[in-house]
Amino acid sequence: MNITYEKCGDYLIPNLIPDPEPDGELRKFGLMRKSYLENHRRGIYSGLLLSGELKKHLLMIQEQSEERFDLLVEQMAKQEGVTEQLKVQNKMLWVKRMNNIRERAEEIVREEIIYCL
């Protein structure tokens, strides 16, 4: 963050010019992390926000979370025998099992990455 000052009477008032934010869109896990920091870790949130590092941090957490989620879903599906063959044979059973796997994987990601310091 670049700080310049403007003289106003006898006082120097800082002109805070934020650095450009990194490109990228916040999705589910990034927004979950932001909400967690806002509501439960106000000091960390304020520090990241004031230093201009908040979006960078959220994008990093989002990327890590998505990679971990995809890996967990793949491993759990393989371990439990949820395959494309099952999808062809019994779609409703496949959907039921995949939804269960996705919920468990998301819970693990929340505990390991999103709600962790």
PDB file of N, CA and C in Angstrom:
ATOM      1  N   MET A   1       0.845  -1.163   0.000  1.00  0.00           N
ATOM      2  CA  MET A   1       0.000   0.000   0.000  1.00  0.00           C
ATOM      3  C   MET A   1       0.898   1.236   0.000  1.00  0.00           C
ATOM      4  N   ASN A   2       0.639   2.139  -0.926  1.00  0.00           N
ATOM      5  CA  ASN A   2       1.397   3.382  -1.016  1.00  0.00           C
ATOM      6  C   ASN A   2       0.732   4.441  -0.156  1.00  0.00           C
ATOM      7  N   ILE A   3       1.525   5.112   0.659  1.00  0.00           N
ATOM      8  CA  ILE A   3       0.973   6.161   1.512  1.00  0.00           C
ATOM      9  C   ILE A   3       1.624   7.481   1.138  1.00  0.00           C
ATOM     10  N   THR A   4       0.787   8.431   0.771  1.00  0.00           N
ATOM     11  CA  THR A   4       1.233   9.801   0.550  1.00  0.00           C
ATOM     12  C   THR A   4       0.424  10.682   1.501  1.00  0.00           C
ATOM     13  N   TYR A   5       0.869  11.903   1.673  1.00  0.00           N
ATOM     14  CA  TYR A   5       0.207  12.798   2.624  1.00  0.00           C
ATOM     15  C   TYR A   5      -0.228  14.080   1.931  1.00  0.00           C
ATOM     16  N   GLU A   6      -1.336  14.595   2.389  1.00  0.00           N
ATOM     17  CA  GLU A   6      -1.861  15.865   1.900  1.00  0.00           C
ATOM     18  C   GLU A   6      -1.927  16.826   3.081  1.00  0.00           C
ATOM     19  N   LYS A   7      -1.389  18.012   2.895  1.00  0.00           N
ATOM     20  CA  LYS A   7      -1.392  18.979   3.990  1.00  0.00           C
ATOM     21  C   LYS A   7      -2.756  19.664   4.043  1.00  0.00           C
ATOM     22  N   CYS A   8      -3.342  19.616   5.215  1.00  0.00           N
ATOM     23  CA  CYS A   8      -4.652  20.226   5.438  1.00  0.00           C
ATOM     24  C   CYS A   8      -4.508  21.111   6.678  1.00  0.00           C
ATOM     25  N   GLY A   9      -4.270  22.380   6.448  1.00  0.00           N
ATOM     26  CA  GLY A   9      -3.996  23.273   7.575  1.00  0.00           C
ATOM     27  C   GLY A   9      -2.634  22.941   8.149  1.00  0.00           C
ATOM     28  N   ASP A  10      -2.576  22.645   9.428  1.00  0.00           N
ATOM     29  CA  ASP A  10      -1.320  22.268  10.080  1.00  0.00           C
ATOM     30  C   ASP A  10      -1.119  20.755  10.140  1.00  0.00           C
ATOM     31  N   TYR A  11      -2.021  20.013   9.552  1.00  0.00           N
ATOM     32  CA  TYR A  11      -1.976  18.550   9.687  1.00  0.00           C
ATOM     33  C   TYR A  11      -1.663  17.883   8.351  1.00  0.00           C
ATOM     34  N   LEU A  12      -0.996  16.747   8.434  1.00  0.00           N
ATOM     35  CA  LEU A  12      -0.776  15.907   7.264  1.00  0.00           C
ATOM     36  C   LEU A  12      -1.777  14.754   7.323  1.00  0.00           C
ATOM     37  N   ILE A  13      -2.615  14.676   6.318  1.00  0.00           N
ATOM     38  CA  ILE A  13      -3.640  13.637   6.240  1.00  0.00           C
ATOM     39  C   ILE A  13      -3.162  12.578   5.247  1.00  0.00           C
ATOM     40  N   PRO A  14      -3.137  11.290   5.636  1.00  0.00           N
ATOM     41  CA  PRO A  14      -2.668  10.263   4.703  1.00  0.00           C
ATOM     42  C   PRO A  14      -3.667  10.017   3.573  1.00  0.00           C
ATOM     43  N   ASN A  15      -3.127   9.872   2.373  1.00  0.00           N
ATOM     44  CA  ASN A  15      -3.908   9.448   1.214  1.00  0.00           C
ATOM     45  C   ASN A  15      -3.580   7.970   1.017  1.00  0.00           C
ATOM     46  N   LEU A  16      -4.475   7.122   1.362  1.00  0.00           N
ATOM     47  CA  LEU A  16      -4.227   5.691   1.232  1.00  0.00           C
ATOM     48  C   LEU A  16      -4.599   5.239  -0.167  1.00  0.00           C
ATOM     49  N   ILE A  17      -3.618   4.733  -0.892  1.00  0.00           N
ATOM     50  CA  ILE A  17      -3.830   4.265  -2.257  1.00  0.00           C
ATOM     51  C   ILE A  17      -3.599   2.753  -2.253  1.00  0.00           C
ATOM     52  N   PRO A  18      -4.650   1.971  -2.370  1.00  0.00           N
ATOM     53  CA  PRO A  18      -4.476   0.527  -2.312  1.00  0.00           C
ATOM     54  C   PRO A  18      -3.804  -0.013  -3.567  1.00  0.00           C
ATOM     55  N   ASP A  19      -3.028  -1.077  -3.385  1.00  0.00           N
ATOM     56  CA  ASP A  19      -2.435  -1.776  -4.518  1.00  0.00           C
ATOM     57  C   ASP A  19      -3.549  -2.483  -5.275  1.00  0.00           C
ATOM     58  N   PRO A  20      -3.347  -2.727  -6.553  1.00  0.00           N
ATOM     59  CA  PRO A  20      -4.388  -3.423  -7.308  1.00  0.00           C
ATOM     60  C   PRO A  20      -4.632  -4.831  -6.743  1.00  0.00           C
ATOM     61  N   GLU A  21      -5.896  -5.221  -6.685  1.00  0.00           N
ATOM     62  CA  GLU A  21      -6.244  -6.544  -6.158  1.00  0.00           C
ATOM     63  C   GLU A  21      -5.914  -7.613  -7.191  1.00  0.00           C
ATOM     64  N   PRO A  22      -5.576  -8.819  -6.739  1.00  0.00           N
ATOM     65  CA  PRO A  22      -5.306  -9.902  -7.686  1.00  0.00           C
ATOM     66  C   PRO A  22      -6.572 -10.293  -8.429  1.00  0.00           C
ATOM     67  N   ASP A  23      -6.373 -10.764  -9.644  1.00  0.00           N
ATOM     68  CA  ASP A  23      -7.512 -11.208 -10.451  1.00  0.00           C
ATOM     69  C   ASP A  23      -8.015 -12.543  -9.933  1.00  0.00           C
ATOM     70  N   GLY A  24      -9.282 -12.729 -10.046  1.00  0.00           N
ATOM     71  CA  GLY A  24      -9.891 -13.983  -9.632  1.00  0.00           C
ATOM     72  C   GLY A  24     -11.219 -13.714  -8.960  1.00  0.00           C
ATOM     73  N   GLU A  25     -12.101 -14.665  -9.110  1.00  0.00           N
ATOM     74  CA  GLU A  25     -13.428 -14.542  -8.537  1.00  0.00           C
ATOM     75  C   GLU A  25     -13.519 -15.418  -7.294  1.00  0.00           C
ATOM     76  N   LEU A  26     -14.095 -14.880  -6.235  1.00  0.00           N
ATOM     77  CA  LEU A  26     -14.286 -15.658  -5.023  1.00  0.00           C
ATOM     78  C   LEU A  26     -15.500 -16.551  -5.206  1.00  0.00           C
ATOM     79  N   ARG A  27     -15.306 -17.832  -4.920  1.00  0.00           N
ATOM     80  CA  ARG A  27     -16.392 -18.798  -5.012  1.00  0.00           C
ATOM     81  C   ARG A  27     -16.692 -19.328  -3.622  1.00  0.00           C
ATOM     82  N   LYS A  28     -17.320 -20.453  -3.550  1.00  0.00           N
ATOM     83  CA  LYS A  28     -17.859 -21.004  -2.306  1.00  0.00           C
ATOM     84  C   LYS A  28     -16.858 -21.006  -1.149  1.00  0.00           C
ATOM     85  N   PHE A  29     -15.721 -21.651  -1.319  1.00  0.00           N
ATOM     86  CA  PHE A  29     -14.770 -21.792  -0.225  1.00  0.00           C
ATOM     87  C   PHE A  29     -14.113 -20.458   0.145  1.00  0.00           C
ATOM     88  N   GLY A  30     -13.832 -19.612  -0.846  1.00  0.00           N
ATOM     89  CA  GLY A  30     -13.269 -18.295  -0.557  1.00  0.00           C
ATOM     90  C   GLY A  30     -14.236 -17.430   0.228  1.00  0.00           C
ATOM     91  N   LEU A  31     -15.514 -17.485  -0.138  1.00  0.00           N
ATOM     92  CA  LEU A  31     -16.525 -16.712   0.581  1.00  0.00           C
ATOM     93  C   LEU A  31     -16.764 -17.262   1.981  1.00  0.00           C
ATOM     94  N   MET A  32     -16.670 -18.594   2.133  1.00  0.00           N
ATOM     95  CA  MET A  32     -16.803 -19.193   3.464  1.00  0.00           C
ATOM     96  C   MET A  32     -15.678 -18.719   4.375  1.00  0.00           C
ATOM     97  N   ARG A  33     -14.457 -18.678   3.854  1.00  0.00           N
ATOM     98  CA  ARG A  33     -13.307 -18.231   4.631  1.00  0.00           C
ATOM     99  C   ARG A  33     -13.468 -16.757   5.024  1.00  0.00           C
ATOM    100  N   LYS A  34     -13.927 -15.943   4.074  1.00  0.00           N
ATOM    101  CA  LYS A  34     -14.124 -14.522   4.361  1.00  0.00           C
ATOM    102  C   LYS A  34     -15.149 -14.342   5.472  1.00  0.00           C
ATOM    103  N   SER A  35     -16.244 -15.061   5.384  1.00  0.00           N
ATOM    104  CA  SER A  35     -17.285 -14.975   6.411  1.00  0.00           C
ATOM    105  C   SER A  35     -16.748 -15.418   7.769  1.00  0.00           C
ATOM    106  N   TYR A  36     -15.974 -16.496   7.785  1.00  0.00           N
ATOM    107  CA  TYR A  36     -15.393 -16.993   9.035  1.00  0.00           C
ATOM    108  C   TYR A  36     -14.479 -15.935   9.661  1.00  0.00           C
ATOM    109  N   LEU A  37     -13.599 -15.359   8.850  1.00  0.00           N
ATOM    110  CA  LEU A  37     -12.687 -14.344   9.375  1.00  0.00           C
ATOM    111  C   LEU A  37     -13.445 -13.117   9.872  1.00  0.00           C
ATOM    112  N   GLU A  38     -14.445 -12.683   9.119  1.00  0.00           N
ATOM    113  CA  GLU A  38     -15.233 -11.509   9.516  1.00  0.00           C
ATOM    114  C   GLU A  38     -15.935 -11.717  10.855  1.00  0.00           C
ATOM    115  N   ASN A  39     -16.499 -12.899  11.040  1.00  0.00           N
ATOM    116  CA  ASN A  39     -17.333 -13.145  12.212  1.00  0.00           C
ATOM    117  C   ASN A  39     -16.587 -13.689  13.425  1.00  0.00           C
ATOM    118  N   HIS A  40     -15.468 -14.388  13.210  1.00  0.00           N
ATOM    119  CA  HIS A  40     -14.810 -15.069  14.322  1.00  0.00           C
ATOM    120  C   HIS A  40     -13.351 -14.680  14.533  1.00  0.00           C
ATOM    121  N   ARG A  41     -12.721 -14.084  13.557  1.00  0.00           N
ATOM    122  CA  ARG A  41     -11.315 -13.683  13.667  1.00  0.00           C
ATOM    123  C   ARG A  41     -11.157 -12.248  13.163  1.00  0.00           C
ATOM    124  N   ARG A  42     -11.806 -11.328  13.884  1.00  0.00           N
ATOM    125  CA  ARG A  42     -11.852  -9.930  13.446  1.00  0.00           C
ATOM    126  C   ARG A  42     -10.463  -9.307  13.302  1.00  0.00           C
ATOM    127  N   GLY A  43      -9.546  -9.642  14.186  1.00  0.00           N
ATOM    128  CA  GLY A  43      -8.204  -9.076  14.124  1.00  0.00           C
ATOM    129  C   GLY A  43      -7.465  -9.487  12.865  1.00  0.00           C
ATOM    130  N   ILE A  44      -7.524 -10.756  12.550  1.00  0.00           N
ATOM    131  CA  ILE A  44      -6.867 -11.266  11.339  1.00  0.00           C
ATOM    132  C   ILE A  44      -7.522 -10.645  10.107  1.00  0.00           C
ATOM    133  N   TYR A  45      -8.855 -10.600  10.112  1.00  0.00           N
ATOM    134  CA  TYR A  45      -9.589 -10.023   8.980  1.00  0.00           C
ATOM    135  C   TYR A  45      -9.196  -8.565   8.773  1.00  0.00           C
ATOM    136  N   SER A  46      -9.179  -7.795   9.856  1.00  0.00           N
ATOM    137  CA  SER A  46      -8.836  -6.373   9.748  1.00  0.00           C
ATOM    138  C   SER A  46      -7.401  -6.184   9.283  1.00  0.00           C
ATOM    139  N   GLY A  47      -6.505  -7.001   9.807  1.00  0.00           N
ATOM    140  CA  GLY A  47      -5.104  -6.907   9.401  1.00  0.00           C
ATOM    141  C   GLY A  47      -4.911  -7.198   7.925  1.00  0.00           C
ATOM    142  N   LEU A  48      -5.557  -8.247   7.437  1.00  0.00           N
ATOM    143  CA  LEU A  48      -5.463  -8.591   6.011  1.00  0.00           C
ATOM    144  C   LEU A  48      -6.101  -7.505   5.155  1.00  0.00           C
ATOM    145  N   LEU A  49      -7.227  -6.998   5.605  1.00  0.00           N
ATOM    146  CA  LEU A  49      -7.937  -5.966   4.848  1.00  0.00           C
ATOM    147  C   LEU A  49      -7.109  -4.688   4.763  1.00  0.00           C
ATOM    148  N   LEU A  50      -6.544  -4.265   5.884  1.00  0.00           N
ATOM    149  CA  LEU A  50      -5.756  -3.032   5.902  1.00  0.00           C
ATOM    150  C   LEU A  50      -4.446  -3.151   5.142  1.00  0.00           C
ATOM    151  N   SER A  51      -3.862  -4.342   5.129  1.00  0.00           N
ATOM    152  CA  SER A  51      -2.611  -4.528   4.399  1.00  0.00           C
ATOM    153  C   SER A  51      -2.830  -4.775   2.911  1.00  0.00           C
ATOM    154  N   GLY A  52      -4.088  -4.951   2.506  1.00  0.00           N
ATOM    155  CA  GLY A  52      -4.395  -5.196   1.098  1.00  0.00           C
ATOM    156  C   GLY A  52      -4.174  -6.630   0.672  1.00  0.00           C
ATOM    157  N   GLU A  53      -4.017  -7.535   1.623  1.00  0.00           N
ATOM    158  CA  GLU A  53      -3.723  -8.937   1.334  1.00  0.00           C
ATOM    159  C   GLU A  53      -4.954  -9.848   1.446  1.00  0.00           C
ATOM    160  N   LEU A  54      -6.115  -9.291   1.743  1.00  0.00           N
ATOM    161  CA  LEU A  54      -7.295 -10.123   1.997  1.00  0.00           C
ATOM    162  C   LEU A  54      -7.680 -10.965   0.793  1.00  0.00           C
ATOM    163  N   LYS A  55      -7.833 -10.347  -0.355  1.00  0.00           N
ATOM    164  CA  LYS A  55      -8.284 -11.104  -1.528  1.00  0.00           C
ATOM    165  C   LYS A  55      -7.247 -12.149  -1.934  1.00  0.00           C
ATOM    166  N   LYS A  56      -5.980 -11.810  -1.838  1.00  0.00           N
ATOM    167  CA  LYS A  56      -4.908 -12.766  -2.152  1.00  0.00           C
ATOM    168  C   LYS A  56      -5.012 -13.976  -1.233  1.00  0.00           C
ATOM    169  N   HIS A  57      -5.218 -13.724   0.054  1.00  0.00           N
ATOM    170  CA  HIS A  57      -5.365 -14.796   1.041  1.00  0.00           C
ATOM    171  C   HIS A  57      -6.597 -15.656   0.726  1.00  0.00           C
ATOM    172  N   LEU A  58      -7.713 -15.014   0.432  1.00  0.00           N
ATOM    173  CA  LEU A  58      -8.946 -15.746   0.152  1.00  0.00           C
ATOM    174  C   LEU A  58      -8.824 -16.603  -1.102  1.00  0.00           C
ATOM    175  N   LEU A  59      -8.165 -16.086  -2.134  1.00  0.00           N
ATOM    176  CA  LEU A  59      -7.967 -16.861  -3.362  1.00  0.00           C
ATOM    177  C   LEU A  59      -7.058 -18.063  -3.118  1.00  0.00           C
ATOM    178  N   MET A  60      -6.026 -17.870  -2.278  1.00  0.00           N
ATOM    179  CA  MET A  60      -5.123 -18.978  -1.954  1.00  0.00           C
ATOM    180  C   MET A  60      -5.871 -20.074  -1.192  1.00  0.00           C
ATOM    181  N   ILE A  61      -6.667 -19.679  -0.186  1.00  0.00           N
ATOM    182  CA  ILE A  61      -7.449 -20.639   0.589  1.00  0.00           C
ATOM    183  C   ILE A  61      -8.451 -21.347  -0.315  1.00  0.00           C
ATOM    184  N   GLN A  62      -9.074 -20.598  -1.206  1.00  0.00           N
ATOM    185  CA  GLN A  62     -10.052 -21.169  -2.129  1.00  0.00           C
ATOM    186  C   GLN A  62      -9.405 -22.230  -3.018  1.00  0.00           C
ATOM    187  N   GLU A  63      -8.233 -21.940  -3.556  1.00  0.00           N
ATOM    188  CA  GLU A  63      -7.539 -22.887  -4.430  1.00  0.00           C
ATOM    189  C   GLU A  63      -7.162 -24.163  -3.667  1.00  0.00           C
ATOM    190  N   GLN A  64      -6.608 -23.991  -2.468  1.00  0.00           N
ATOM    191  CA  GLN A  64      -6.241 -25.147  -1.651  1.00  0.00           C
ATOM    192  C   GLN A  64      -7.464 -25.989  -1.313  1.00  0.00           C
ATOM    193  N   SER A  65      -8.553 -25.330  -0.971  1.00  0.00           N
ATOM    194  CA  SER A  65      -9.776 -26.029  -0.581  1.00  0.00           C
ATOM    195  C   SER A  65     -10.361 -26.807  -1.744  1.00  0.00           C
ATOM    196  N   GLU A  66     -10.386 -26.208  -2.922  1.00  0.00           N
ATOM    197  CA  GLU A  66     -10.947 -26.888  -4.093  1.00  0.00           C
ATOM    198  C   GLU A  66     -10.109 -28.100  -4.476  1.00  0.00           C
ATOM    199  N   GLU A  67      -8.786 -27.961  -4.415  1.00  0.00           N
ATOM    200  CA  GLU A  67      -7.913 -29.097  -4.728  1.00  0.00           C
ATOM    201  C   GLU A  67      -8.118 -30.231  -3.732  1.00  0.00           C
ATOM    202  N   ARG A  68      -8.171 -29.894  -2.457  1.00  0.00           N
ATOM    203  CA  ARG A  68      -8.371 -30.906  -1.409  1.00  0.00           C
ATOM    204  C   ARG A  68      -9.736 -31.570  -1.547  1.00  0.00           C
ATOM    205  N   PHE A  69     -10.774 -30.785  -1.833  1.00  0.00           N
ATOM    206  CA  PHE A  69     -12.123 -31.306  -2.004  1.00  0.00           C
ATOM    207  C   PHE A  69     -12.172 -32.306  -3.160  1.00  0.00           C
ATOM    208  N   ASP A  70     -11.617 -31.923  -4.308  1.00  0.00           N
ATOM    209  CA  ASP A  70     -11.624 -32.810  -5.477  1.00  0.00           C
ATOM    210  C   ASP A  70     -10.885 -34.109  -5.192  1.00  0.00           C
ATOM    211  N   LEU A  71      -9.750 -34.012  -4.523  1.00  0.00           N
ATOM    212  CA  LEU A  71      -8.966 -35.196  -4.186  1.00  0.00           C
ATOM    213  C   LEU A  71      -9.738 -36.113  -3.240  1.00  0.00           C
ATOM    214  N   LEU A  72     -10.360 -35.533  -2.223  1.00  0.00           N
ATOM    215  CA  LEU A  72     -11.135 -36.333  -1.264  1.00  0.00           C
ATOM    216  C   LEU A  72     -12.315 -37.032  -1.934  1.00  0.00           C
ATOM    217  N   VAL A  73     -13.029 -36.315  -2.791  1.00  0.00           N
ATOM    218  CA  VAL A  73     -14.180 -36.917  -3.480  1.00  0.00           C
ATOM    219  C   VAL A  73     -13.715 -38.079  -4.341  1.00  0.00           C
ATOM    220  N   GLU A  74     -12.645 -37.883  -5.064  1.00  0.00           N
ATOM    221  CA  GLU A  74     -12.110 -38.939  -5.930  1.00  0.00           C
ATOM    222  C   GLU A  74     -11.696 -40.165  -5.113  1.00  0.00           C
ATOM    223  N   GLN A  75     -10.969 -39.939  -4.015  1.00  0.00           N
ATOM    224  CA  GLN A  75     -10.509 -41.052  -3.189  1.00  0.00           C
ATOM    225  C   GLN A  75     -11.664 -41.784  -2.516  1.00  0.00           C
ATOM    226  N   MET A  76     -12.621 -41.045  -1.975  1.00  0.00           N
ATOM    227  CA  MET A  76     -13.756 -41.672  -1.306  1.00  0.00           C
ATOM    228  C   MET A  76     -14.621 -42.458  -2.287  1.00  0.00           C
ATOM    229  N   ALA A  77     -14.833 -41.908  -3.470  1.00  0.00           N
ATOM    230  CA  ALA A  77     -15.643 -42.600  -4.478  1.00  0.00           C
ATOM    231  C   ALA A  77     -14.966 -43.908  -4.892  1.00  0.00           C
ATOM    232  N   LYS A  78     -13.674 -43.854  -5.066  1.00  0.00           N
ATOM    233  CA  LYS A  78     -12.930 -45.062  -5.446  1.00  0.00           C
ATOM    234  C   LYS A  78     -12.987 -46.094  -4.325  1.00  0.00           C
ATOM    235  N   GLN A  79     -12.802 -45.659  -3.098  1.00  0.00           N
ATOM    236  CA  GLN A  79     -12.788 -46.559  -1.948  1.00  0.00           C
ATOM    237  C   GLN A  79     -14.159 -47.206  -1.724  1.00  0.00           C
ATOM    238  N   GLU A  80     -15.225 -46.469  -1.995  1.00  0.00           N
ATOM    239  CA  GLU A  80     -16.563 -46.980  -1.739  1.00  0.00           C
ATOM    240  C   GLU A  80     -17.208 -47.616  -2.962  1.00  0.00           C
ATOM    241  N   GLY A  81     -16.486 -47.691  -4.066  1.00  0.00           N
ATOM    242  CA  GLY A  81     -16.991 -48.363  -5.255  1.00  0.00           C
ATOM    243  C   GLY A  81     -18.062 -47.589  -6.007  1.00  0.00           C
ATOM    244  N   VAL A  82     -18.028 -46.283  -5.907  1.00  0.00           N
ATOM    245  CA  VAL A  82     -18.979 -45.449  -6.644  1.00  0.00           C
ATOM    246  C   VAL A  82     -18.342 -45.146  -8.000  1.00  0.00           C
ATOM    247  N   THR A  83     -18.766 -45.889  -9.008  1.00  0.00           N
ATOM    248  CA  THR A  83     -18.135 -45.825 -10.327  1.00  0.00           C
ATOM    249  C   THR A  83     -19.152 -45.407 -11.389  1.00  0.00           C
ATOM    250  N   GLU A  84     -18.649 -45.230 -12.591  1.00  0.00           N
ATOM    251  CA  GLU A  84     -19.516 -44.923 -13.726  1.00  0.00           C
ATOM    252  C   GLU A  84     -20.441 -46.099 -14.033  1.00  0.00           C
ATOM    253  N   GLN A  85     -19.975 -47.304 -13.753  1.00  0.00           N
ATOM    254  CA  GLN A  85     -20.810 -48.492 -13.963  1.00  0.00           C
ATOM    255  C   GLN A  85     -22.037 -48.435 -13.046  1.00  0.00           C
ATOM    256  N   LEU A  86     -21.836 -48.037 -11.800  1.00  0.00           N
ATOM    257  CA  LEU A  86     -22.959 -47.888 -10.881  1.00  0.00           C
ATOM    258  C   LEU A  86     -23.898 -46.792 -11.371  1.00  0.00           C
ATOM    259  N   LYS A  87     -23.337 -45.747 -11.936  1.00  0.00           N
ATOM    260  CA  LYS A  87     -24.151 -44.639 -12.461  1.00  0.00           C
ATOM    261  C   LYS A  87     -25.075 -45.127 -13.577  1.00  0.00           C
ATOM    262  N   VAL A  88     -24.560 -45.999 -14.422  1.00  0.00           N
ATOM    263  CA  VAL A  88     -25.369 -46.549 -15.516  1.00  0.00           C
ATOM    264  C   VAL A  88     -26.425 -47.503 -14.977  1.00  0.00           C
ATOM    265  N   GLN A  89     -26.049 -48.317 -14.003  1.00  0.00           N
ATOM    266  CA  GLN A  89     -26.966 -49.336 -13.478  1.00  0.00           C
ATOM    267  C   GLN A  89     -28.067 -48.737 -12.600  1.00  0.00           C
ATOM    268  N   ASN A  90     -27.696 -47.842 -11.686  1.00  0.00           N
ATOM    269  CA  ASN A  90     -28.663 -47.314 -10.734  1.00  0.00           C
ATOM    270  C   ASN A  90     -28.336 -45.846 -10.446  1.00  0.00           C
ATOM    271  N   LYS A  91     -28.942 -44.957 -11.225  1.00  0.00           N
ATOM    272  CA  LYS A  91     -28.604 -43.528 -11.122  1.00  0.00           C
ATOM    273  C   LYS A  91     -28.937 -42.949  -9.748  1.00  0.00           C
ATOM    274  N   MET A  92     -30.063 -43.307  -9.188  1.00  0.00           N
ATOM    275  CA  MET A  92     -30.457 -42.732  -7.901  1.00  0.00           C
ATOM    276  C   MET A  92     -29.513 -43.152  -6.775  1.00  0.00           C
ATOM    277  N   LEU A  93     -29.076 -44.402  -6.786  1.00  0.00           N
ATOM    278  CA  LEU A  93     -28.121 -44.869  -5.781  1.00  0.00           C
ATOM    279  C   LEU A  93     -26.793 -44.133  -5.950  1.00  0.00           C
ATOM    280  N   TRP A  94     -26.368 -43.943  -7.214  1.00  0.00           N
ATOM    281  CA  TRP A  94     -25.122 -43.232  -7.488  1.00  0.00           C
ATOM    282  C   TRP A  94     -25.208 -41.789  -6.979  1.00  0.00           C
ATOM    283  N   VAL A  95     -26.332 -41.108  -7.253  1.00  0.00           N
ATOM    284  CA  VAL A  95     -26.518 -39.730  -6.798  1.00  0.00           C
ATOM    285  C   VAL A  95     -26.502 -39.667  -5.273  1.00  0.00           C
ATOM    286  N   LYS A  96     -27.197 -40.606  -4.644  1.00  0.00           N
ATOM    287  CA  LYS A  96     -27.251 -40.647  -3.178  1.00  0.00           C
ATOM    288  C   LYS A  96     -25.850 -40.790  -2.579  1.00  0.00           C
ATOM    289  N   ARG A  97     -25.093 -41.722  -3.113  1.00  0.00           N
ATOM    290  CA  ARG A  97     -23.738 -41.946  -2.589  1.00  0.00           C
ATOM    291  C   ARG A  97     -22.805 -40.776  -2.878  1.00  0.00           C
ATOM    292  N   MET A  98     -22.899 -40.208  -4.081  1.00  0.00           N
ATOM    293  CA  MET A  98     -22.029 -39.081  -4.427  1.00  0.00           C
ATOM    294  C   MET A  98     -22.361 -37.861  -3.577  1.00  0.00           C
ATOM    295  N   ASN A  99     -23.633 -37.605  -3.319  1.00  0.00           N
ATOM    296  CA  ASN A  99     -24.002 -36.488  -2.451  1.00  0.00           C
ATOM    297  C   ASN A  99     -23.448 -36.683  -1.045  1.00  0.00           C
ATOM    298  N   ASN A 100     -23.510 -37.910  -0.564  1.00  0.00           N
ATOM    299  CA  ASN A 100     -22.969 -38.222   0.753  1.00  0.00           C
ATOM    300  C   ASN A 100     -21.457 -37.997   0.788  1.00  0.00           C
ATOM    301  N   ILE A 101     -20.784 -38.451  -0.243  1.00  0.00           N
ATOM    302  CA  ILE A 101     -19.327 -38.290  -0.334  1.00  0.00           C
ATOM    303  C   ILE A 101     -18.962 -36.808  -0.397  1.00  0.00           C
ATOM    304  N   ARG A 102     -19.679 -36.052  -1.211  1.00  0.00           N
ATOM    305  CA  ARG A 102     -19.390 -34.619  -1.344  1.00  0.00           C
ATOM    306  C   ARG A 102     -19.609 -33.873  -0.022  1.00  0.00           C
ATOM    307  N   GLU A 103     -20.661 -34.222   0.707  1.00  0.00           N
ATOM    308  CA  GLU A 103     -20.915 -33.577   2.000  1.00  0.00           C
ATOM    309  C   GLU A 103     -19.804 -33.883   3.001  1.00  0.00           C
ATOM    310  N   ARG A 104     -19.369 -35.143   3.039  1.00  0.00           N
ATOM    311  CA  ARG A 104     -18.287 -35.495   3.964  1.00  0.00           C
ATOM    312  C   ARG A 104     -16.983 -34.814   3.575  1.00  0.00           C
ATOM    313  N   ALA A 105     -16.698 -34.761   2.275  1.00  0.00           N
ATOM    314  CA  ALA A 105     -15.470 -34.106   1.809  1.00  0.00           C
ATOM    315  C   ALA A 105     -15.496 -32.609   2.145  1.00  0.00           C
ATOM    316  N   GLU A 106     -16.665 -31.979   1.962  1.00  0.00           N
ATOM    317  CA  GLU A 106     -16.778 -30.554   2.288  1.00  0.00           C
ATOM    318  C   GLU A 106     -16.597 -30.320   3.786  1.00  0.00           C
ATOM    319  N   GLU A 107     -17.128 -31.209   4.601  1.00  0.00           N
ATOM    320  CA  GLU A 107     -16.958 -31.075   6.046  1.00  0.00           C
ATOM    321  C   GLU A 107     -15.485 -31.161   6.433  1.00  0.00           C
ATOM    322  N   ILE A 108     -14.759 -32.078   5.817  1.00  0.00           N
ATOM    323  CA  ILE A 108     -13.324 -32.224   6.091  1.00  0.00           C
ATOM    324  C   ILE A 108     -12.581 -30.959   5.672  1.00  0.00           C
ATOM    325  N   VAL A 109     -12.893 -30.439   4.491  1.00  0.00           N
ATOM    326  CA  VAL A 109     -12.237 -29.223   3.997  1.00  0.00           C
ATOM    327  C   VAL A 109     -12.529 -28.046   4.932  1.00  0.00           C
ATOM    328  N   ARG A 110     -13.764 -27.927   5.383  1.00  0.00           N
ATOM    329  CA  ARG A 110     -14.105 -26.835   6.313  1.00  0.00           C
ATOM    330  C   ARG A 110     -13.250 -26.922   7.571  1.00  0.00           C
ATOM    331  N   GLU A 111     -13.137 -28.116   8.144  1.00  0.00           N
ATOM    332  CA  GLU A 111     -12.399 -28.282   9.397  1.00  0.00           C
ATOM    333  C   GLU A 111     -10.890 -28.117   9.199  1.00  0.00           C
ATOM    334  N   GLU A 112     -10.347 -28.635   8.090  1.00  0.00           N
ATOM    335  CA  GLU A 112      -8.899 -28.611   7.881  1.00  0.00           C
ATOM    336  C   GLU A 112      -8.378 -27.279   7.359  1.00  0.00           C
ATOM    337  N   ILE A 113      -9.171 -26.595   6.530  1.00  0.00           N
ATOM    338  CA  ILE A 113      -8.643 -25.408   5.832  1.00  0.00           C
ATOM    339  C   ILE A 113      -9.435 -24.146   6.154  1.00  0.00           C
ATOM    340  N   ILE A 114     -10.737 -24.176   5.981  1.00  0.00           N
ATOM    341  CA  ILE A 114     -11.548 -22.955   6.094  1.00  0.00           C
ATOM    342  C   ILE A 114     -11.544 -22.411   7.517  1.00  0.00           C
ATOM    343  N   TYR A 115     -11.809 -23.258   8.504  1.00  0.00           N
ATOM    344  CA  TYR A 115     -11.940 -22.801   9.889  1.00  0.00           C
ATOM    345  C   TYR A 115     -10.658 -22.963  10.681  1.00  0.00           C
ATOM    346  N   CYS A 116      -9.547 -23.021   9.997  1.00  0.00           N
ATOM    347  CA  CYS A 116      -8.253 -23.191  10.639  1.00  0.00           C
ATOM    348  C   CYS A 116      -7.460 -21.895  10.490  1.00  0.00           C
ATOM    349  N   LEU A 117      -6.568 -21.633  11.389  1.00  0.00           N
ATOM    350  CA  LEU A 117      -5.717 -20.446  11.277  1.00  0.00           C
ATOM    351  C   LEU A 117      -4.530 -20.831  10.470  1.00  0.00           C
TER     352      LEU A 117
END
